[in-house]
């Protein structure tokens, strides 16, 4: 079992939820996070995200691997925003002054991004791609968007393998990237060949699917059914978000 397939199976409360409910919860939580401007509210959102992870019973190393890229970007924000935004000076480093406004903005982005990432990992990341597409179809998401999602995720690995193959071919021929026009031109050729091969691969996939009877639609042969536990979980979460919204609005 690979690290990527591990969370797709489980007997946790989150795994037992209807995929449609999980998608609706994720959207509702994202909207709530966007509307919150107080640090305490965003910290509460982060705790809610951690709660979803705990309910999903996900391994901590799997969570950390997925949080690492976004938090590397957060480090850049904490380095850049305090220098570029004006406000009360909190730290002086030579000619550089770090403002409290920059730290506040960076911390808000940090809390909001990590809260949303934890929630998506727990609720959406524990769904396989086919189940997610199935749930989106039941939620009346446009068919073309669902197909775009399914094919994009399915063939990203193929696109990456093609890139590696072309890059290896250039390396075998002695190509060494440098900051000169030859390198820029060669990288342009590489991107062009990647686009051409991707187009040809897409044509072959389309022909193969048409030979198997595909004509622009995936038929749903099974259906989801809401359980009492799904409705109760959705109701409890809605009450929590509503209560928090009223409380933080009152604090303002």
C-alpha atoms as a PDB file:
ATOM      1  CA  UNK A   1       0.000   0.000   0.000  1.00  0.00           C
ATOM      2  CA  UNK A   2       1.477   3.325  -1.053  1.00  0.00           C
ATOM      3  CA  UNK A   3       1.542   6.467   0.997  1.00  0.00           C
ATOM      4  CA  UNK A   4      -0.941   8.026  -1.433  1.00  0.00           C
ATOM      5  CA  UNK A   5      -3.532   5.239  -1.187  1.00  0.00           C
ATOM      6  CA  UNK A   6      -3.306   4.807   2.576  1.00  0.00           C
ATOM      7  CA  UNK A   7      -5.940   7.425   3.634  1.00  0.00           C
ATOM      8  CA  UNK A   8      -8.478   6.244   1.036  1.00  0.00           C
ATOM      9  CA  UNK A   9      -9.338   3.281   3.214  1.00  0.00           C
ATOM     10  CA  UNK A  10     -10.465   3.442   6.793  1.00  0.00           C
ATOM     11  CA  UNK A  11     -13.316   3.054   9.211  1.00  0.00           C
ATOM     12  CA  UNK A  12     -13.215   6.555  10.695  1.00  0.00           C
ATOM     13  CA  UNK A  13     -16.176   8.903  10.983  1.00  0.00           C
ATOM     14  CA  UNK A  14     -14.946  10.949   8.014  1.00  0.00           C
ATOM     15  CA  UNK A  15     -14.536   7.875   5.803  1.00  0.00           C
ATOM     16  CA  UNK A  16     -18.134   6.899   6.589  1.00  0.00           C
ATOM     17  CA  UNK A  17     -19.544  10.271   5.497  1.00  0.00           C
ATOM     18  CA  UNK A  18     -21.333  10.669   2.189  1.00  0.00           C
ATOM     19  CA  UNK A  19     -18.855  12.150  -0.359  1.00  0.00           C
ATOM     20  CA  UNK A  20     -21.378  14.852  -1.251  1.00  0.00           C
ATOM     21  CA  UNK A  21     -21.585  15.932   2.380  1.00  0.00           C
ATOM     22  CA  UNK A  22     -17.795  16.064   2.592  1.00  0.00           C
ATOM     23  CA  UNK A  23     -17.609  18.303  -0.479  1.00  0.00           C
ATOM     24  CA  UNK A  24     -20.346  20.611   0.856  1.00  0.00           C
ATOM     25  CA  UNK A  25     -18.608  20.824   4.241  1.00  0.00           C
ATOM     26  CA  UNK A  26     -15.338  21.775   2.548  1.00  0.00           C
ATOM     27  CA  UNK A  27     -16.985  24.560   0.526  1.00  0.00           C
ATOM     28  CA  UNK A  28     -18.867  25.892   3.555  1.00  0.00           C
ATOM     29  CA  UNK A  29     -15.715  25.914   5.661  1.00  0.00           C
ATOM     30  CA  UNK A  30     -13.740  27.660   2.896  1.00  0.00           C
ATOM     31  CA  UNK A  31     -16.406  30.364   2.632  1.00  0.00           C
ATOM     32  CA  UNK A  32     -16.416  30.815   6.411  1.00  0.00           C
ATOM     33  CA  UNK A  33     -12.618  31.160   6.474  1.00  0.00           C
ATOM     34  CA  UNK A  34     -12.636  33.771   3.717  1.00  0.00           C
ATOM     35  CA  UNK A  35     -15.135  35.905   5.637  1.00  0.00           C
ATOM     36  CA  UNK A  36     -13.134  35.857   8.888  1.00  0.00           C
ATOM     37  CA  UNK A  37     -10.675  38.692   9.471  1.00  0.00           C
ATOM     38  CA  UNK A  38      -9.775  38.206  13.146  1.00  0.00           C
ATOM     39  CA  UNK A  39      -6.720  36.241  14.161  1.00  0.00           C
ATOM     40  CA  UNK A  40      -8.661  34.414  16.880  1.00  0.00           C
ATOM     41  CA  UNK A  41     -11.290  33.316  14.358  1.00  0.00           C
ATOM     42  CA  UNK A  42      -8.629  32.006  11.986  1.00  0.00           C
ATOM     43  CA  UNK A  43      -6.923  30.186  14.850  1.00  0.00           C
ATOM     44  CA  UNK A  44     -10.267  28.580  15.656  1.00  0.00           C
ATOM     45  CA  UNK A  45     -10.520  27.575  11.997  1.00  0.00           C
ATOM     46  CA  UNK A  46      -7.110  25.927  12.245  1.00  0.00           C
ATOM     47  CA  UNK A  47      -8.298  23.973  15.289  1.00  0.00           C
ATOM     48  CA  UNK A  48     -11.375  22.870  13.330  1.00  0.00           C
ATOM     49  CA  UNK A  49      -9.108  21.659  10.531  1.00  0.00           C
ATOM     50  CA  UNK A  50      -7.086  19.686  13.055  1.00  0.00           C
ATOM     51  CA  UNK A  51     -10.356  18.259  14.344  1.00  0.00           C
ATOM     52  CA  UNK A  52     -11.233  16.983  10.869  1.00  0.00           C
ATOM     53  CA  UNK A  53      -7.807  15.334  10.626  1.00  0.00           C
ATOM     54  CA  UNK A  54      -8.337  13.691  14.013  1.00  0.00           C
ATOM     55  CA  UNK A  55     -11.785  12.438  12.967  1.00  0.00           C
ATOM     56  CA  UNK A  56     -10.286  11.017   9.761  1.00  0.00           C
ATOM     57  CA  UNK A  57      -7.588   9.216  11.803  1.00  0.00           C
ATOM     58  CA  UNK A  58      -4.893  10.150   9.291  1.00  0.00           C
ATOM     59  CA  UNK A  59      -1.225   9.334   9.956  1.00  0.00           C
ATOM     60  CA  UNK A  60       0.753  12.395  11.024  1.00  0.00           C
ATOM     61  CA  UNK A  61       3.617  11.848   8.582  1.00  0.00           C
ATOM     62  CA  UNK A  62       1.132  11.824   5.693  1.00  0.00           C
ATOM     63  CA  UNK A  63      -0.274  15.161   6.877  1.00  0.00           C
ATOM     64  CA  UNK A  64       3.170  16.712   7.316  1.00  0.00           C
ATOM     65  CA  UNK A  65       4.219  15.708   3.798  1.00  0.00           C
ATOM     66  CA  UNK A  66       1.231  17.570   2.365  1.00  0.00           C
ATOM     67  CA  UNK A  67       1.657  20.611   4.580  1.00  0.00           C
ATOM     68  CA  UNK A  68       5.366  21.016   3.828  1.00  0.00           C
ATOM     69  CA  UNK A  69       5.145  22.690   0.364  1.00  0.00           C
ATOM     70  CA  UNK A  70       2.551  25.271   1.381  1.00  0.00           C
ATOM     71  CA  UNK A  71       4.424  26.159   4.575  1.00  0.00           C
ATOM     72  CA  UNK A  72       7.679  26.640   2.682  1.00  0.00           C
ATOM     73  CA  UNK A  73       5.795  29.331   0.778  1.00  0.00           C
ATOM     74  CA  UNK A  74       4.546  30.724   4.106  1.00  0.00           C
ATOM     75  CA  UNK A  75       8.164  31.210   5.193  1.00  0.00           C
ATOM     76  CA  UNK A  76       8.653  33.506   2.187  1.00  0.00           C
ATOM     77  CA  UNK A  77       5.577  35.507   3.182  1.00  0.00           C
ATOM     78  CA  UNK A  78       6.904  35.994   6.709  1.00  0.00           C
ATOM     79  CA  UNK A  79      10.176  37.229   5.197  1.00  0.00           C
ATOM     80  CA  UNK A  80       8.653  39.542   2.579  1.00  0.00           C
ATOM     81  CA  UNK A  81       5.436  41.042   4.002  1.00  0.00           C
ATOM     82  CA  UNK A  82       6.924  42.611   7.175  1.00  0.00           C
ATOM     83  CA  UNK A  83       9.469  44.404   4.984  1.00  0.00           C
ATOM     84  CA  UNK A  84       7.108  45.564   2.235  1.00  0.00           C
ATOM     85  CA  UNK A  85       4.031  46.614   4.251  1.00  0.00           C
ATOM     86  CA  UNK A  86       4.044  49.812   6.255  1.00  0.00           C
ATOM     87  CA  UNK A  87       3.044  49.888   9.907  1.00  0.00           C
ATOM     88  CA  UNK A  88       4.453  50.148  13.395  1.00  0.00           C
ATOM     89  CA  UNK A  89       8.085  49.039  13.477  1.00  0.00           C
ATOM     90  CA  UNK A  90       8.634  45.993  15.679  1.00  0.00           C
ATOM     91  CA  UNK A  91      12.127  44.920  14.581  1.00  0.00           C
ATOM     92  CA  UNK A  92      14.991  46.899  13.049  1.00  0.00           C
ATOM     93  CA  UNK A  93      17.762  45.070  11.204  1.00  0.00           C
ATOM     94  CA  UNK A  94      20.215  47.651   9.913  1.00  0.00           C
ATOM     95  CA  UNK A  95      18.384  49.572   7.202  1.00  0.00           C
ATOM     96  CA  UNK A  96      15.462  47.130   7.221  1.00  0.00           C
ATOM     97  CA  UNK A  97      12.408  47.759   9.372  1.00  0.00           C
ATOM     98  CA  UNK A  98       9.859  45.013   9.983  1.00  0.00           C
ATOM     99  CA  UNK A  99       6.283  46.180  10.545  1.00  0.00           C
ATOM    100  CA  UNK A 100       3.602  44.644  12.713  1.00  0.00           C
ATOM    101  CA  UNK A 101       1.132  44.928   9.817  1.00  0.00           C
ATOM    102  CA  UNK A 102       3.262  42.596   7.724  1.00  0.00           C
ATOM    103  CA  UNK A 103       3.472  40.022  10.499  1.00  0.00           C
ATOM    104  CA  UNK A 104      -0.298  40.209  11.051  1.00  0.00           C
ATOM    105  CA  UNK A 105      -1.067  39.727   7.359  1.00  0.00           C
ATOM    106  CA  UNK A 106       1.408  36.853   7.087  1.00  0.00           C
ATOM    107  CA  UNK A 107       0.025  35.134  10.181  1.00  0.00           C
ATOM    108  CA  UNK A 108      -3.536  35.466   8.869  1.00  0.00           C
ATOM    109  CA  UNK A 109      -2.551  33.925   5.547  1.00  0.00           C
ATOM    110  CA  UNK A 110      -0.667  31.180   7.388  1.00  0.00           C
ATOM    111  CA  UNK A 111      -3.641  30.280   9.592  1.00  0.00           C
ATOM    112  CA  UNK A 112      -6.157  30.458   6.754  1.00  0.00           C
ATOM    113  CA  UNK A 113      -4.054  28.378   4.346  1.00  0.00           C
ATOM    114  CA  UNK A 114      -3.205  25.659   6.867  1.00  0.00           C
ATOM    115  CA  UNK A 115      -6.781  25.421   8.141  1.00  0.00           C
ATOM    116  CA  UNK A 116      -8.074  24.996   4.599  1.00  0.00           C
ATOM    117  CA  UNK A 117      -5.338  22.541   3.683  1.00  0.00           C
ATOM    118  CA  UNK A 118      -6.012  20.362   6.726  1.00  0.00           C
ATOM    119  CA  UNK A 119      -9.728  20.323   5.957  1.00  0.00           C
ATOM    120  CA  UNK A 120      -9.209  19.445   2.301  1.00  0.00           C
ATOM    121  CA  UNK A 121      -6.735  16.700   3.166  1.00  0.00           C
ATOM    122  CA  UNK A 122      -9.152  15.189   5.685  1.00  0.00           C
ATOM    123  CA  UNK A 123     -12.410  15.520   3.741  1.00  0.00           C
ATOM    124  CA  UNK A 124     -11.420  15.552   0.050  1.00  0.00           C
ATOM    125  CA  UNK A 125      -7.981  13.921   0.153  1.00  0.00           C
ATOM    126  CA  UNK A 126      -9.500  10.736   1.557  1.00  0.00           C
ATOM    127  CA  UNK A 127     -11.679  10.333  -1.548  1.00  0.00           C
ATOM    128  CA  UNK A 128     -10.455   8.529  -4.633  1.00  0.00           C
ATOM    129  CA  UNK A 129     -10.750  10.435  -7.897  1.00  0.00           C
ATOM    130  CA  UNK A 130     -13.663   8.422  -9.296  1.00  0.00           C
ATOM    131  CA  UNK A 131     -15.714   8.833  -6.122  1.00  0.00           C
ATOM    132  CA  UNK A 132     -15.036  12.582  -6.126  1.00  0.00           C
ATOM    133  CA  UNK A 133     -16.192  12.869  -9.743  1.00  0.00           C
ATOM    134  CA  UNK A 134     -19.253  10.785  -8.905  1.00  0.00           C
ATOM    135  CA  UNK A 135     -20.109  13.087  -5.992  1.00  0.00           C
ATOM    136  CA  UNK A 136     -19.663  16.201  -8.147  1.00  0.00           C
ATOM    137  CA  UNK A 137     -22.003  14.727 -10.760  1.00  0.00           C
ATOM    138  CA  UNK A 138     -24.678  14.171  -8.095  1.00  0.00           C
ATOM    139  CA  UNK A 139     -24.209  17.791  -6.982  1.00  0.00           C
ATOM    140  CA  UNK A 140     -25.025  18.909 -10.552  1.00  0.00           C
ATOM    141  CA  UNK A 141     -21.573  20.291 -11.293  1.00  0.00           C
ATOM    142  CA  UNK A 142     -21.243  20.825 -15.086  1.00  0.00           C
ATOM    143  CA  UNK A 143     -20.187  17.618 -16.819  1.00  0.00           C
ATOM    144  CA  UNK A 144     -17.363  19.281 -18.737  1.00  0.00           C
ATOM    145  CA  UNK A 145     -15.755  20.504 -15.511  1.00  0.00           C
ATOM    146  CA  UNK A 146     -15.943  17.007 -14.024  1.00  0.00           C
ATOM    147  CA  UNK A 147     -14.366  15.475 -17.123  1.00  0.00           C
ATOM    148  CA  UNK A 148     -11.653  18.134 -17.082  1.00  0.00           C
ATOM    149  CA  UNK A 149     -10.861  17.299 -13.451  1.00  0.00           C
ATOM    150  CA  UNK A 150     -10.816  13.534 -14.058  1.00  0.00           C
ATOM    151  CA  UNK A 151      -8.622  13.680 -17.148  1.00  0.00           C
ATOM    152  CA  UNK A 152      -6.270  16.311 -15.710  1.00  0.00           C
ATOM    153  CA  UNK A 153      -5.517  14.342 -12.554  1.00  0.00           C
ATOM    154  CA  UNK A 154      -5.338  11.062 -14.468  1.00  0.00           C
ATOM    155  CA  UNK A 155      -2.810  12.274 -17.036  1.00  0.00           C
ATOM    156  CA  UNK A 156      -0.639  14.604 -14.957  1.00  0.00           C
ATOM    157  CA  UNK A 157       1.666  11.676 -14.209  1.00  0.00           C
ATOM    158  CA  UNK A 158       1.825  10.843 -17.926  1.00  0.00           C
ATOM    159  CA  UNK A 159       2.714  14.445 -18.733  1.00  0.00           C
ATOM    160  CA  UNK A 160       5.425  14.429 -16.066  1.00  0.00           C
ATOM    161  CA  UNK A 161       6.855  11.146 -17.412  1.00  0.00           C
ATOM    162  CA  UNK A 162       7.003  12.671 -20.902  1.00  0.00           C
ATOM    163  CA  UNK A 163       8.829  15.708 -19.503  1.00  0.00           C
ATOM    164  CA  UNK A 164      11.362  13.452 -17.785  1.00  0.00           C
ATOM    165  CA  UNK A 165      11.903  11.483 -20.987  1.00  0.00           C
ATOM    166  CA  UNK A 166      12.573  14.623 -23.047  1.00  0.00           C
ATOM    167  CA  UNK A 167      14.817  16.128 -20.358  1.00  0.00           C
ATOM    168  CA  UNK A 168      16.812  12.896 -20.155  1.00  0.00           C
ATOM    169  CA  UNK A 169      17.236  12.861 -23.935  1.00  0.00           C
ATOM    170  CA  UNK A 170      18.658  16.396 -23.793  1.00  0.00           C
ATOM    171  CA  UNK A 171      20.991  15.440 -20.957  1.00  0.00           C
ATOM    172  CA  UNK A 172      22.277  12.395 -22.867  1.00  0.00           C
ATOM    173  CA  UNK A 173      23.125  14.713 -25.757  1.00  0.00           C
ATOM    174  CA  UNK A 174      25.297  16.790 -23.433  1.00  0.00           C
ATOM    175  CA  UNK A 175      22.910  19.630 -22.644  1.00  0.00           C
ATOM    176  CA  UNK A 176      23.890  21.581 -19.528  1.00  0.00           C
ATOM    177  CA  UNK A 177      21.513  24.404 -18.530  1.00  0.00           C
ATOM    178  CA  UNK A 178      23.173  27.794 -18.208  1.00  0.00           C
ATOM    179  CA  UNK A 179      22.064  31.417 -18.192  1.00  0.00           C
ATOM    180  CA  UNK A 180      22.482  31.964 -21.946  1.00  0.00           C
ATOM    181  CA  UNK A 181      20.353  32.139 -25.084  1.00  0.00           C
ATOM    182  CA  UNK A 182      21.154  28.558 -26.065  1.00  0.00           C
ATOM    183  CA  UNK A 183      19.607  27.314 -22.823  1.00  0.00           C
ATOM    184  CA  UNK A 184      16.536  29.542 -23.205  1.00  0.00           C
ATOM    185  CA  UNK A 185      16.042  28.383 -26.798  1.00  0.00           C
ATOM    186  CA  UNK A 186      16.520  24.727 -25.838  1.00  0.00           C
ATOM    187  CA  UNK A 187      14.005  25.006 -22.990  1.00  0.00           C
ATOM    188  CA  UNK A 188      11.562  26.588 -25.428  1.00  0.00           C
ATOM    189  CA  UNK A 189      12.021  23.623 -27.771  1.00  0.00           C
ATOM    190  CA  UNK A 190      11.484  21.290 -24.806  1.00  0.00           C
ATOM    191  CA  UNK A 191       8.198  22.960 -23.874  1.00  0.00           C
ATOM    192  CA  UNK A 192       7.111  22.929 -27.519  1.00  0.00           C
ATOM    193  CA  UNK A 193       7.814  19.207 -27.855  1.00  0.00           C
ATOM    194  CA  UNK A 194       5.967  18.572 -24.598  1.00  0.00           C
ATOM    195  CA  UNK A 195       2.899  20.367 -25.955  1.00  0.00           C
ATOM    196  CA  UNK A 196       3.074  18.481 -29.268  1.00  0.00           C
ATOM    197  CA  UNK A 197       3.424  15.098 -27.580  1.00  0.00           C
ATOM    198  CA  UNK A 198       0.630  15.950 -25.152  1.00  0.00           C
ATOM    199  CA  UNK A 199      -1.657  16.850 -28.045  1.00  0.00           C
ATOM    200  CA  UNK A 200      -0.850  13.624 -29.889  1.00  0.00           C
ATOM    201  CA  UNK A 201      -1.354  11.589 -26.720  1.00  0.00           C
ATOM    202  CA  UNK A 202      -4.712  13.283 -26.136  1.00  0.00           C
ATOM    203  CA  UNK A 203      -5.780  12.362 -29.667  1.00  0.00           C
ATOM    204  CA  UNK A 204      -4.853   8.706 -29.146  1.00  0.00           C
ATOM    205  CA  UNK A 205      -6.716   8.607 -25.825  1.00  0.00           C
ATOM    206  CA  UNK A 206      -9.788  10.170 -27.446  1.00  0.00           C
ATOM    207  CA  UNK A 207      -9.746   7.635 -30.299  1.00  0.00           C
ATOM    208  CA  UNK A 208      -9.336   4.743 -27.875  1.00  0.00           C
ATOM    209  CA  UNK A 209     -12.259   5.959 -25.765  1.00  0.00           C
ATOM    210  CA  UNK A 210     -14.486   6.425 -28.818  1.00  0.00           C
ATOM    211  CA  UNK A 211     -13.664   2.879 -29.912  1.00  0.00           C
ATOM    212  CA  UNK A 212     -15.023   1.770 -26.543  1.00  0.00           C
ATOM    213  CA  UNK A 213     -18.277   3.669 -27.024  1.00  0.00           C
ATOM    214  CA  UNK A 214     -17.480   6.950 -25.267  1.00  0.00           C
ATOM    215  CA  UNK A 215     -19.464   9.919 -26.582  1.00  0.00           C
ATOM    216  CA  UNK A 216     -18.917  12.639 -24.009  1.00  0.00           C
ATOM    217  CA  UNK A 217     -20.721  11.217 -21.002  1.00  0.00           C
ATOM    218  CA  UNK A 218     -19.948   8.924 -18.083  1.00  0.00           C
ATOM    219  CA  UNK A 219     -23.050   7.095 -16.920  1.00  0.00           C
ATOM    220  CA  UNK A 220     -23.723   6.796 -13.189  1.00  0.00           C
ATOM    221  CA  UNK A 221     -24.536   3.167 -12.468  1.00  0.00           C
ATOM    222  CA  UNK A 222     -24.740   3.557  -8.689  1.00  0.00           C
ATOM    223  CA  UNK A 223     -26.016   6.296  -6.427  1.00  0.00           C
ATOM    224  CA  UNK A 224     -25.233   7.737  -3.015  1.00  0.00           C
ATOM    225  CA  UNK A 225     -27.811   7.653  -0.260  1.00  0.00           C
ATOM    226  CA  UNK A 226     -27.852  10.021   2.699  1.00  0.00           C
ATOM    227  CA  UNK A 227     -27.775   8.361   6.093  1.00  0.00           C
ATOM    228  CA  UNK A 228     -28.976   9.770   9.384  1.00  0.00           C
ATOM    229  CA  UNK A 229     -25.359  10.125  10.529  1.00  0.00           C
ATOM    230  CA  UNK A 230     -24.606  12.302   7.468  1.00  0.00           C
ATOM    231  CA  UNK A 231     -27.485  14.665   8.259  1.00  0.00           C
ATOM    232  CA  UNK A 232     -26.527  14.830  11.946  1.00  0.00           C
ATOM    233  CA  UNK A 233     -22.876  15.600  11.141  1.00  0.00           C
ATOM    234  CA  UNK A 234     -23.877  18.312   8.657  1.00  0.00           C
ATOM    235  CA  UNK A 235     -26.279  19.838  11.182  1.00  0.00           C
ATOM    236  CA  UNK A 236     -23.696  19.857  13.985  1.00  0.00           C
ATOM    237  CA  UNK A 237     -21.048  21.438  11.756  1.00  0.00           C
ATOM    238  CA  UNK A 238     -23.517  24.070  10.510  1.00  0.00           C
ATOM    239  CA  UNK A 239     -24.450  24.970  14.095  1.00  0.00           C
ATOM    240  CA  UNK A 240     -20.759  25.248  15.020  1.00  0.00           C
ATOM    241  CA  UNK A 241     -20.001  27.581  12.094  1.00  0.00           C
ATOM    242  CA  UNK A 242     -23.088  29.696  12.761  1.00  0.00           C
ATOM    243  CA  UNK A 243     -22.274  29.976  16.467  1.00  0.00           C
ATOM    244  CA  UNK A 244     -18.678  30.952  15.750  1.00  0.00           C
ATOM    245  CA  UNK A 245     -19.792  33.529  13.178  1.00  0.00           C
ATOM    246  CA  UNK A 246     -22.172  35.174  15.650  1.00  0.00           C
ATOM    247  CA  UNK A 247     -19.577  35.093  18.431  1.00  0.00           C
ATOM    248  CA  UNK A 248     -16.752  36.661  16.416  1.00  0.00           C
ATOM    249  CA  UNK A 249     -19.131  39.246  14.933  1.00  0.00           C
ATOM    250  CA  UNK A 250     -20.117  40.169  18.495  1.00  0.00           C
ATOM    251  CA  UNK A 251     -16.435  40.496  19.468  1.00  0.00           C
ATOM    252  CA  UNK A 252     -15.926  43.086  16.742  1.00  0.00           C
END
